Amino acid sequence: MRVLFIGDIVGSPGRRIIHDRLADILAQQQVDLCIANCENSASGFGITPRLADELFEAGIEILSGGNHIFDRKEVFDYFPHQPRLLRPANFPEGAPGSGLYMGAAKNGVRYA
């Protein structure tokens, strides 16, 4: 199984590279699962639902977050609707979202 993990996508320059290059990389490298850290995608602080949707549409299957994941308040209501956007698993109980997602890669292999 080929997994591509993309480190921190920071602001519009990072999103532009994803938009311009990711599809080619996924195809050329025959990637089965693409995961990216997104917590700084919105001008370097947090992520918005619109930006998360754009990153998913670009070919990223899982978006991981860190300590800045909640910097944009509009993301709070997005978590229940998008289980592939992850917050840190060690955040306190009751924090929006989940730190775990279970799915299947393009090659059918199950993952968590």
N, C-alpha and C. Protein backbone atom coordinates (compact mmCIF):
# COMPACT_ATOMS: atom_id res chain seq x y z
N MET A 1 0.85 -1.18 0.00
CA MET A 1 0.00 0.00 0.00
C MET A 1 0.89 1.24 0.00
N ARG A 2 0.58 2.16 -0.87
CA ARG A 2 1.35 3.41 -0.96
C ARG A 2 0.56 4.53 -0.29
N VAL A 3 1.18 5.11 0.73
CA VAL A 3 0.57 6.20 1.49
C VAL A 3 1.41 7.46 1.27
N LEU A 4 0.75 8.54 0.94
CA LEU A 4 1.41 9.84 0.84
C LEU A 4 0.93 10.67 2.02
N PHE A 5 1.87 11.09 2.87
CA PHE A 5 1.54 11.99 3.97
C PHE A 5 2.18 13.33 3.66
N ILE A 6 1.34 14.35 3.62
CA ILE A 6 1.80 15.71 3.34
C ILE A 6 1.85 16.46 4.66
N GLY A 7 3.00 17.02 4.97
CA GLY A 7 3.15 17.81 6.19
C GLY A 7 2.27 19.05 6.13
N ASP A 8 2.52 19.98 6.97
CA ASP A 8 1.68 21.15 7.13
C ASP A 8 1.43 21.91 5.82
N ILE A 9 0.16 22.02 5.45
CA ILE A 9 -0.25 22.87 4.33
C ILE A 9 -0.48 24.25 4.92
N VAL A 10 0.36 25.22 4.56
CA VAL A 10 0.29 26.54 5.18
C VAL A 10 -0.23 27.57 4.19
N GLY A 11 -1.39 28.14 4.52
CA GLY A 11 -1.97 29.24 3.79
C GLY A 11 -2.19 28.99 2.31
N SER A 12 -2.40 30.07 1.58
CA SER A 12 -2.70 29.95 0.15
C SER A 12 -1.55 29.38 -0.66
N PRO A 13 -0.26 29.65 -0.33
CA PRO A 13 0.80 28.99 -1.12
C PRO A 13 0.74 27.47 -1.01
N GLY A 14 0.51 26.96 0.18
CA GLY A 14 0.41 25.51 0.35
C GLY A 14 -0.79 24.93 -0.37
N ARG A 15 -1.93 25.61 -0.27
CA ARG A 15 -3.14 25.13 -0.96
C ARG A 15 -2.96 25.19 -2.47
N ARG A 16 -2.27 26.20 -2.97
CA ARG A 16 -2.04 26.33 -4.41
C ARG A 16 -1.21 25.15 -4.93
N ILE A 17 -0.18 24.76 -4.20
CA ILE A 17 0.63 23.61 -4.61
C ILE A 17 -0.21 22.35 -4.65
N ILE A 18 -1.05 22.16 -3.63
CA ILE A 18 -1.94 20.99 -3.61
C ILE A 18 -2.83 21.01 -4.85
N HIS A 19 -3.43 22.14 -5.12
CA HIS A 19 -4.33 22.26 -6.28
C HIS A 19 -3.60 22.01 -7.59
N ASP A 20 -2.40 22.55 -7.71
CA ASP A 20 -1.66 22.47 -8.98
C ASP A 20 -0.95 21.13 -9.20
N ARG A 21 -0.51 20.46 -8.13
CA ARG A 21 0.38 19.32 -8.31
C ARG A 21 -0.12 17.98 -7.79
N LEU A 22 -1.07 17.99 -6.84
CA LEU A 22 -1.40 16.74 -6.15
C LEU A 22 -1.94 15.67 -7.08
N ALA A 23 -2.84 16.00 -7.98
CA ALA A 23 -3.42 14.97 -8.86
C ALA A 23 -2.34 14.24 -9.65
N ASP A 24 -1.38 14.98 -10.17
CA ASP A 24 -0.28 14.34 -10.92
C ASP A 24 0.56 13.44 -10.03
N ILE A 25 0.86 13.90 -8.83
CA ILE A 25 1.66 13.09 -7.90
C ILE A 25 0.93 11.81 -7.54
N LEU A 26 -0.37 11.93 -7.23
CA LEU A 26 -1.15 10.74 -6.86
C LEU A 26 -1.16 9.72 -7.99
N ALA A 27 -1.30 10.19 -9.22
CA ALA A 27 -1.32 9.28 -10.37
C ALA A 27 0.06 8.69 -10.65
N GLN A 28 1.07 9.54 -10.71
CA GLN A 28 2.42 9.07 -11.03
C GLN A 28 2.96 8.08 -10.01
N GLN A 29 2.66 8.32 -8.75
CA GLN A 29 3.19 7.47 -7.68
C GLN A 29 2.22 6.35 -7.29
N GLN A 30 1.07 6.29 -7.94
CA GLN A 30 0.06 5.26 -7.67
C GLN A 30 -0.27 5.20 -6.17
N VAL A 31 -0.60 6.36 -5.63
CA VAL A 31 -0.89 6.49 -4.20
C VAL A 31 -2.25 5.88 -3.88
N ASP A 32 -2.30 5.05 -2.84
CA ASP A 32 -3.54 4.42 -2.39
C ASP A 32 -4.27 5.24 -1.34
N LEU A 33 -3.54 6.04 -0.57
CA LEU A 33 -4.13 6.83 0.50
C LEU A 33 -3.31 8.09 0.69
N CYS A 34 -3.99 9.24 0.69
CA CYS A 34 -3.32 10.53 0.87
C CYS A 34 -3.85 11.18 2.15
N ILE A 35 -2.93 11.52 3.04
CA ILE A 35 -3.25 12.16 4.32
C ILE A 35 -2.45 13.46 4.37
N ALA A 36 -3.05 14.51 4.90
CA ALA A 36 -2.32 15.78 5.01
C ALA A 36 -2.67 16.49 6.30
N ASN A 37 -1.70 17.20 6.84
CA ASN A 37 -1.95 18.05 8.00
C ASN A 37 -2.47 19.38 7.49
N CYS A 38 -3.60 19.82 8.04
CA CYS A 38 -4.28 20.98 7.50
C CYS A 38 -4.45 22.12 8.49
N GLU A 39 -3.91 22.01 9.68
CA GLU A 39 -4.26 22.94 10.75
C GLU A 39 -3.81 24.38 10.51
N ASN A 40 -3.01 24.63 9.50
CA ASN A 40 -2.57 26.00 9.18
C ASN A 40 -2.97 26.42 7.78
N SER A 41 -3.98 25.77 7.23
CA SER A 41 -4.39 26.01 5.84
C SER A 41 -5.04 27.37 5.63
N ALA A 42 -5.64 27.92 6.66
CA ALA A 42 -6.34 29.21 6.55
C ALA A 42 -5.40 30.32 7.02
N SER A 43 -4.63 30.85 6.11
CA SER A 43 -3.69 31.94 6.40
C SER A 43 -2.75 31.61 7.55
N GLY A 44 -2.42 30.34 7.72
CA GLY A 44 -1.49 29.93 8.75
C GLY A 44 -2.11 29.63 10.10
N PHE A 45 -3.45 29.77 10.20
CA PHE A 45 -4.12 29.54 11.48
C PHE A 45 -5.44 28.83 11.28
N GLY A 46 -5.47 27.53 11.53
CA GLY A 46 -6.71 26.77 11.46
C GLY A 46 -7.12 26.40 10.05
N ILE A 47 -8.36 25.96 9.95
CA ILE A 47 -8.95 25.58 8.66
C ILE A 47 -10.43 25.94 8.70
N THR A 48 -10.99 26.20 7.54
CA THR A 48 -12.42 26.48 7.43
C THR A 48 -13.09 25.32 6.70
N PRO A 49 -14.40 25.18 6.83
CA PRO A 49 -15.09 24.13 6.08
C PRO A 49 -14.86 24.23 4.57
N ARG A 50 -14.87 25.43 4.03
CA ARG A 50 -14.66 25.60 2.58
C ARG A 50 -13.28 25.11 2.17
N LEU A 51 -12.27 25.44 2.95
CA LEU A 51 -10.91 25.01 2.61
C LEU A 51 -10.76 23.50 2.77
N ALA A 52 -11.38 22.94 3.79
CA ALA A 52 -11.34 21.48 3.96
C ALA A 52 -11.96 20.80 2.75
N ASP A 53 -13.11 21.29 2.31
CA ASP A 53 -13.77 20.71 1.14
C ASP A 53 -12.87 20.80 -0.09
N GLU A 54 -12.20 21.93 -0.27
CA GLU A 54 -11.29 22.09 -1.42
C GLU A 54 -10.15 21.06 -1.36
N LEU A 55 -9.61 20.84 -0.18
CA LEU A 55 -8.51 19.88 -0.04
C LEU A 55 -8.99 18.45 -0.28
N PHE A 56 -10.19 18.12 0.20
CA PHE A 56 -10.75 16.80 -0.09
C PHE A 56 -10.97 16.63 -1.60
N GLU A 57 -11.52 17.65 -2.24
CA GLU A 57 -11.77 17.59 -3.69
C GLU A 57 -10.47 17.46 -4.48
N ALA A 58 -9.37 17.97 -3.94
CA ALA A 58 -8.07 17.89 -4.62
C ALA A 58 -7.48 16.49 -4.56
N GLY A 59 -8.04 15.62 -3.70
CA GLY A 59 -7.55 14.25 -3.64
C GLY A 59 -7.03 13.78 -2.30
N ILE A 60 -7.10 14.63 -1.30
CA ILE A 60 -6.68 14.23 0.05
C ILE A 60 -7.84 13.48 0.69
N GLU A 61 -7.56 12.28 1.23
CA GLU A 61 -8.64 11.50 1.85
C GLU A 61 -8.83 11.81 3.33
N ILE A 62 -7.74 12.09 4.04
CA ILE A 62 -7.80 12.37 5.48
C ILE A 62 -7.06 13.67 5.75
N LEU A 63 -7.69 14.56 6.53
CA LEU A 63 -7.04 15.79 6.97
C LEU A 63 -6.81 15.69 8.47
N SER A 64 -5.57 15.83 8.87
CA SER A 64 -5.24 15.78 10.30
C SER A 64 -5.02 17.19 10.82
N GLY A 65 -5.28 17.35 12.10
CA GLY A 65 -5.11 18.65 12.72
C GLY A 65 -4.21 18.57 13.93
N GLY A 66 -3.80 19.72 14.39
CA GLY A 66 -2.98 19.81 15.59
C GLY A 66 -3.52 20.91 16.48
N ASN A 67 -2.63 21.59 17.19
CA ASN A 67 -3.08 22.57 18.18
C ASN A 67 -3.79 23.77 17.57
N HIS A 68 -3.69 24.01 16.28
CA HIS A 68 -4.38 25.14 15.65
C HIS A 68 -5.69 24.74 14.96
N ILE A 69 -6.11 23.49 15.09
CA ILE A 69 -7.28 23.02 14.34
C ILE A 69 -8.54 23.82 14.66
N PHE A 70 -8.65 24.37 15.88
CA PHE A 70 -9.85 25.10 16.26
C PHE A 70 -9.68 26.62 16.20
N ASP A 71 -8.63 27.11 15.53
CA ASP A 71 -8.42 28.55 15.46
C ASP A 71 -9.54 29.28 14.73
N ARG A 72 -10.18 28.62 13.80
CA ARG A 72 -11.31 29.21 13.07
C ARG A 72 -12.60 28.61 13.63
N LYS A 73 -13.41 29.43 14.26
CA LYS A 73 -14.59 28.93 14.97
C LYS A 73 -15.60 28.24 14.05
N GLU A 74 -15.64 28.62 12.78
CA GLU A 74 -16.63 28.02 11.87
C GLU A 74 -16.39 26.53 11.65
N VAL A 75 -15.22 26.04 12.00
CA VAL A 75 -14.93 24.62 11.81
C VAL A 75 -15.63 23.75 12.86
N PHE A 76 -16.00 24.33 14.00
CA PHE A 76 -16.65 23.55 15.06
C PHE A 76 -17.87 22.80 14.55
N ASP A 77 -18.73 23.47 13.79
CA ASP A 77 -19.96 22.85 13.29
C ASP A 77 -19.70 21.91 12.12
N TYR A 78 -18.52 21.94 11.56
CA TYR A 78 -18.18 21.10 10.41
C TYR A 78 -17.79 19.68 10.83
N PHE A 79 -17.21 19.55 12.00
CA PHE A 79 -16.73 18.24 12.46
C PHE A 79 -17.79 17.15 12.44
N PRO A 80 -19.01 17.40 12.93
CA PRO A 80 -20.01 16.32 12.91
C PRO A 80 -20.38 15.85 11.50
N HIS A 81 -20.18 16.70 10.51
CA HIS A 81 -20.55 16.38 9.13
C HIS A 81 -19.40 15.79 8.31
N GLN A 82 -18.18 15.89 8.83
CA GLN A 82 -17.03 15.43 8.06
C GLN A 82 -16.08 14.62 8.96
N PRO A 83 -16.30 13.32 9.06
CA PRO A 83 -15.46 12.49 9.94
C PRO A 83 -14.02 12.33 9.46
N ARG A 84 -13.73 12.73 8.21
CA ARG A 84 -12.36 12.60 7.70
C ARG A 84 -11.47 13.78 8.08
N LEU A 85 -12.05 14.77 8.75
CA LEU A 85 -11.27 15.87 9.33
C LEU A 85 -11.00 15.51 10.79
N LEU A 86 -9.74 15.29 11.11
CA LEU A 86 -9.38 14.79 12.44
C LEU A 86 -8.75 15.87 13.30
N ARG A 87 -9.12 15.86 14.56
CA ARG A 87 -8.46 16.68 15.57
C ARG A 87 -7.47 15.76 16.29
N PRO A 88 -6.56 16.31 17.10
CA PRO A 88 -5.66 15.43 17.84
C PRO A 88 -6.43 14.44 18.73
N ALA A 89 -6.01 13.21 18.75
CA ALA A 89 -6.68 12.17 19.54
C ALA A 89 -6.56 12.43 21.03
N ASN A 90 -5.55 13.17 21.45
CA ASN A 90 -5.36 13.41 22.88
C ASN A 90 -6.03 14.68 23.38
N PHE A 91 -6.91 15.29 22.58
CA PHE A 91 -7.68 16.42 23.07
C PHE A 91 -8.68 15.93 24.11
N PRO A 92 -9.12 16.79 25.01
CA PRO A 92 -10.04 16.37 26.06
C PRO A 92 -11.36 15.82 25.51
N GLU A 93 -11.95 14.91 26.26
CA GLU A 93 -13.26 14.38 25.89
C GLU A 93 -14.23 15.55 25.82
N GLY A 94 -15.11 15.52 24.83
CA GLY A 94 -16.05 16.60 24.63
C GLY A 94 -15.60 17.60 23.58
N ALA A 95 -14.34 17.54 23.18
CA ALA A 95 -13.87 18.42 22.10
C ALA A 95 -14.55 17.99 20.81
N PRO A 96 -14.89 18.93 19.94
CA PRO A 96 -15.54 18.55 18.68
C PRO A 96 -14.68 17.60 17.86
N GLY A 97 -15.34 16.76 17.11
CA GLY A 97 -14.65 15.86 16.19
C GLY A 97 -14.09 14.63 16.85
N SER A 98 -13.23 13.96 16.11
CA SER A 98 -12.63 12.72 16.56
C SER A 98 -11.16 12.70 16.14
N GLY A 99 -10.40 11.91 16.85
CA GLY A 99 -9.00 11.72 16.50
C GLY A 99 -8.77 10.44 15.72
N LEU A 100 -9.86 9.76 15.34
CA LEU A 100 -9.75 8.48 14.65
C LEU A 100 -10.77 8.40 13.52
N TYR A 101 -10.33 7.87 12.40
CA TYR A 101 -11.23 7.58 11.28
C TYR A 101 -10.86 6.21 10.74
N MET A 102 -11.85 5.41 10.44
CA MET A 102 -11.61 4.10 9.83
C MET A 102 -12.21 4.10 8.44
N GLY A 103 -11.43 3.62 7.47
CA GLY A 103 -11.89 3.61 6.10
C GLY A 103 -11.15 2.57 5.28
N ALA A 104 -11.29 2.68 3.98
CA ALA A 104 -10.60 1.77 3.06
C ALA A 104 -9.87 2.61 2.02
N ALA A 105 -8.63 2.23 1.76
CA ALA A 105 -7.82 2.91 0.75
C ALA A 105 -8.31 2.53 -0.65
N LYS A 106 -7.80 3.18 -1.66
CA LYS A 106 -8.19 2.90 -3.04
C LYS A 106 -7.96 1.45 -3.44
N ASN A 107 -6.97 0.81 -2.81
CA ASN A 107 -6.68 -0.59 -3.14
C ASN A 107 -7.51 -1.56 -2.30
N GLY A 108 -8.43 -1.03 -1.48
CA GLY A 108 -9.31 -1.86 -0.68
C GLY A 108 -8.81 -2.20 0.70
N VAL A 109 -7.57 -1.88 1.02
CA VAL A 109 -7.02 -2.17 2.34
C VAL A 109 -7.68 -1.26 3.37
N ARG A 110 -8.15 -1.86 4.45
CA ARG A 110 -8.79 -1.10 5.53
C ARG A 110 -7.72 -0.46 6.41
N TYR A 111 -8.04 0.72 6.94
CA TYR A 111 -7.11 1.43 7.81
C TYR A 111 -7.88 2.15 8.91
N ALA A 112 -7.15 2.52 9.94
CA ALA A 112 -7.71 3.33 11.03
C ALA A 112 -6.68 4.37 11.41
